[in-house]
């Protein structure tokens, strides 16, 4: 009889432990509290793209302004081809992975538009 009473008294705690063991990983992964290899690789690739694009945009801006041209001449939808060509010229010489080259060019062109 005593064991049954102990079991009945411990039932809520047992349910809480089992529920916690099931829900904790689900919540942790849902909110991004756990870093997996995939998310880490994606974060590293994004950081590389951002940094290489910033270098590309700085070099392209310096080149553009050295020719006595205004940066405003690159703004807007109608000048996207010119921005892309300028970004390609300065992104190609940057050290980095060939797989992210297109992303660097896109990001560099976006930075030139601002």
C-alpha atoms as a PDB file:
ATOM      1  CA  UNK A   1       0.000   0.000   0.000  1.00  0.00           C
ATOM      2  CA  UNK A   2       2.805   2.393   0.752  1.00  0.00           C
ATOM      3  CA  UNK A   3       4.416   1.841  -2.671  1.00  0.00           C
ATOM      4  CA  UNK A   4       1.140   2.608  -4.429  1.00  0.00           C
ATOM      5  CA  UNK A   5       0.778   5.854  -2.471  1.00  0.00           C
ATOM      6  CA  UNK A   6       4.350   6.841  -3.290  1.00  0.00           C
ATOM      7  CA  UNK A   7       3.773   6.115  -6.947  1.00  0.00           C
ATOM      8  CA  UNK A   8       0.564   8.199  -6.947  1.00  0.00           C
ATOM      9  CA  UNK A   9       2.402  11.071  -5.238  1.00  0.00           C
ATOM     10  CA  UNK A  10       5.306  10.879  -7.750  1.00  0.00           C
ATOM     11  CA  UNK A  11       3.066  10.657 -10.832  1.00  0.00           C
ATOM     12  CA  UNK A  12       2.980  14.425 -11.530  1.00  0.00           C
ATOM     13  CA  UNK A  13       6.776  14.607 -11.244  1.00  0.00           C
ATOM     14  CA  UNK A  14       7.247  11.645 -13.571  1.00  0.00           C
ATOM     15  CA  UNK A  15       4.899  13.221 -16.117  1.00  0.00           C
ATOM     16  CA  UNK A  16       6.795  16.501 -15.840  1.00  0.00           C
ATOM     17  CA  UNK A  17      10.171  14.844 -16.402  1.00  0.00           C
ATOM     18  CA  UNK A  18       8.944  12.840 -19.399  1.00  0.00           C
ATOM     19  CA  UNK A  19       7.193  15.885 -20.873  1.00  0.00           C
ATOM     20  CA  UNK A  20      10.308  17.991 -20.345  1.00  0.00           C
ATOM     21  CA  UNK A  21      12.511  15.418 -22.021  1.00  0.00           C
ATOM     22  CA  UNK A  22      10.224  15.432 -25.049  1.00  0.00           C
ATOM     23  CA  UNK A  23       9.506  19.163 -25.278  1.00  0.00           C
ATOM     24  CA  UNK A  24      12.947  20.575 -24.425  1.00  0.00           C
ATOM     25  CA  UNK A  25      14.642  19.532 -27.689  1.00  0.00           C
ATOM     26  CA  UNK A  26      11.631  20.584 -29.744  1.00  0.00           C
ATOM     27  CA  UNK A  27      11.613  24.053 -28.185  1.00  0.00           C
ATOM     28  CA  UNK A  28      15.405  24.413 -28.340  1.00  0.00           C
ATOM     29  CA  UNK A  29      15.583  23.576 -32.055  1.00  0.00           C
ATOM     30  CA  UNK A  30      12.506  25.673 -32.894  1.00  0.00           C
ATOM     31  CA  UNK A  31      13.953  28.845 -31.377  1.00  0.00           C
ATOM     32  CA  UNK A  32      17.424  28.262 -32.789  1.00  0.00           C
ATOM     33  CA  UNK A  33      19.044  27.783 -29.398  1.00  0.00           C
ATOM     34  CA  UNK A  34      20.941  24.766 -30.694  1.00  0.00           C
ATOM     35  CA  UNK A  35      23.635  25.351 -33.281  1.00  0.00           C
ATOM     36  CA  UNK A  36      23.867  22.552 -35.787  1.00  0.00           C
ATOM     37  CA  UNK A  37      26.551  22.056 -38.381  1.00  0.00           C
ATOM     38  CA  UNK A  38      24.208  23.228 -41.111  1.00  0.00           C
ATOM     39  CA  UNK A  39      23.267  26.467 -39.380  1.00  0.00           C
ATOM     40  CA  UNK A  40      26.892  27.164 -38.520  1.00  0.00           C
ATOM     41  CA  UNK A  41      28.013  26.613 -42.134  1.00  0.00           C
ATOM     42  CA  UNK A  42      25.236  28.902 -43.356  1.00  0.00           C
ATOM     43  CA  UNK A  43      26.222  31.613 -40.868  1.00  0.00           C
ATOM     44  CA  UNK A  44      29.880  31.386 -41.926  1.00  0.00           C
ATOM     45  CA  UNK A  45      28.964  31.576 -45.619  1.00  0.00           C
ATOM     46  CA  UNK A  46      26.733  34.608 -44.987  1.00  0.00           C
ATOM     47  CA  UNK A  47      29.510  36.326 -43.048  1.00  0.00           C
ATOM     48  CA  UNK A  48      31.956  35.696 -45.898  1.00  0.00           C
ATOM     49  CA  UNK A  49      29.508  37.112 -48.443  1.00  0.00           C
ATOM     50  CA  UNK A  50      28.863  40.216 -46.341  1.00  0.00           C
ATOM     51  CA  UNK A  51      32.550  40.960 -45.795  1.00  0.00           C
ATOM     52  CA  UNK A  52      33.610  40.319 -49.394  1.00  0.00           C
ATOM     53  CA  UNK A  53      30.690  42.413 -50.652  1.00  0.00           C
ATOM     54  CA  UNK A  54      31.699  45.283 -48.374  1.00  0.00           C
ATOM     55  CA  UNK A  55      35.258  45.162 -49.742  1.00  0.00           C
ATOM     56  CA  UNK A  56      33.903  45.027 -53.299  1.00  0.00           C
ATOM     57  CA  UNK A  57      31.563  47.965 -52.685  1.00  0.00           C
ATOM     58  CA  UNK A  58      34.338  50.065 -51.151  1.00  0.00           C
ATOM     59  CA  UNK A  59      36.670  49.388 -54.072  1.00  0.00           C
ATOM     60  CA  UNK A  60      33.927  50.025 -56.637  1.00  0.00           C
ATOM     61  CA  UNK A  61      32.891  53.245 -54.902  1.00  0.00           C
ATOM     62  CA  UNK A  62      36.492  54.466 -54.800  1.00  0.00           C
ATOM     63  CA  UNK A  63      36.906  53.686 -58.501  1.00  0.00           C
ATOM     64  CA  UNK A  64      33.587  55.301 -59.446  1.00  0.00           C
ATOM     65  CA  UNK A  65      34.283  58.499 -57.538  1.00  0.00           C
ATOM     66  CA  UNK A  66      37.867  58.689 -58.819  1.00  0.00           C
ATOM     67  CA  UNK A  67      36.403  59.144 -62.287  1.00  0.00           C
ATOM     68  CA  UNK A  68      34.535  62.220 -60.978  1.00  0.00           C
ATOM     69  CA  UNK A  69      31.168  60.455 -61.132  1.00  0.00           C
ATOM     70  CA  UNK A  70      28.472  60.839 -58.520  1.00  0.00           C
ATOM     71  CA  UNK A  71      27.236  57.771 -56.640  1.00  0.00           C
ATOM     72  CA  UNK A  72      23.704  58.974 -57.276  1.00  0.00           C
ATOM     73  CA  UNK A  73      24.238  58.003 -60.921  1.00  0.00           C
ATOM     74  CA  UNK A  74      24.146  54.330 -59.839  1.00  0.00           C
ATOM     75  CA  UNK A  75      20.923  54.520 -57.845  1.00  0.00           C
ATOM     76  CA  UNK A  76      17.609  53.208 -59.005  1.00  0.00           C
ATOM     77  CA  UNK A  77      16.188  50.362 -61.016  1.00  0.00           C
ATOM     78  CA  UNK A  78      17.257  51.763 -64.377  1.00  0.00           C
ATOM     79  CA  UNK A  79      20.969  51.597 -63.420  1.00  0.00           C
ATOM     80  CA  UNK A  80      21.007  48.012 -62.145  1.00  0.00           C
ATOM     81  CA  UNK A  81      23.004  46.699 -65.124  1.00  0.00           C
ATOM     82  CA  UNK A  82      25.681  49.321 -64.600  1.00  0.00           C
ATOM     83  CA  UNK A  83      25.855  48.475 -60.876  1.00  0.00           C
ATOM     84  CA  UNK A  84      26.074  44.770 -61.657  1.00  0.00           C
ATOM     85  CA  UNK A  85      28.890  45.268 -64.157  1.00  0.00           C
ATOM     86  CA  UNK A  86      30.794  47.418 -61.685  1.00  0.00           C
ATOM     87  CA  UNK A  87      30.252  44.840 -58.948  1.00  0.00           C
ATOM     88  CA  UNK A  88      31.468  42.036 -61.238  1.00  0.00           C
ATOM     89  CA  UNK A  89      34.667  43.939 -62.040  1.00  0.00           C
ATOM     90  CA  UNK A  90      35.599  44.336 -58.386  1.00  0.00           C
ATOM     91  CA  UNK A  91      34.233  41.074 -56.973  1.00  0.00           C
ATOM     92  CA  UNK A  92      36.156  38.844 -59.373  1.00  0.00           C
ATOM     93  CA  UNK A  93      39.572  39.727 -57.974  1.00  0.00           C
ATOM     94  CA  UNK A  94      38.598  39.072 -54.359  1.00  0.00           C
ATOM     95  CA  UNK A  95      39.911  35.961 -52.654  1.00  0.00           C
ATOM     96  CA  UNK A  96      37.144  33.614 -51.708  1.00  0.00           C
ATOM     97  CA  UNK A  97      35.140  30.607 -52.647  1.00  0.00           C
ATOM     98  CA  UNK A  98      33.841  30.335 -56.214  1.00  0.00           C
ATOM     99  CA  UNK A  99      30.544  29.005 -54.869  1.00  0.00           C
ATOM    100  CA  UNK A 100      29.658  32.338 -53.241  1.00  0.00           C
ATOM    101  CA  UNK A 101      30.880  34.571 -56.095  1.00  0.00           C
ATOM    102  CA  UNK A 102      27.372  35.265 -57.421  1.00  0.00           C
ATOM    103  CA  UNK A 103      26.124  36.080 -53.926  1.00  0.00           C
ATOM    104  CA  UNK A 104      29.016  38.499 -53.426  1.00  0.00           C
ATOM    105  CA  UNK A 105      28.226  40.221 -56.729  1.00  0.00           C
ATOM    106  CA  UNK A 106      24.530  40.546 -55.819  1.00  0.00           C
ATOM    107  CA  UNK A 107      25.288  41.909 -52.359  1.00  0.00           C
ATOM    108  CA  UNK A 108      27.929  44.291 -53.721  1.00  0.00           C
ATOM    109  CA  UNK A 109      25.431  45.628 -56.264  1.00  0.00           C
ATOM    110  CA  UNK A 110      22.888  46.141 -53.497  1.00  0.00           C
ATOM    111  CA  UNK A 111      25.434  48.034 -51.410  1.00  0.00           C
ATOM    112  CA  UNK A 112      26.235  50.271 -54.387  1.00  0.00           C
ATOM    113  CA  UNK A 113      22.554  51.161 -54.711  1.00  0.00           C
ATOM    114  CA  UNK A 114      22.340  52.663 -51.229  1.00  0.00           C
END
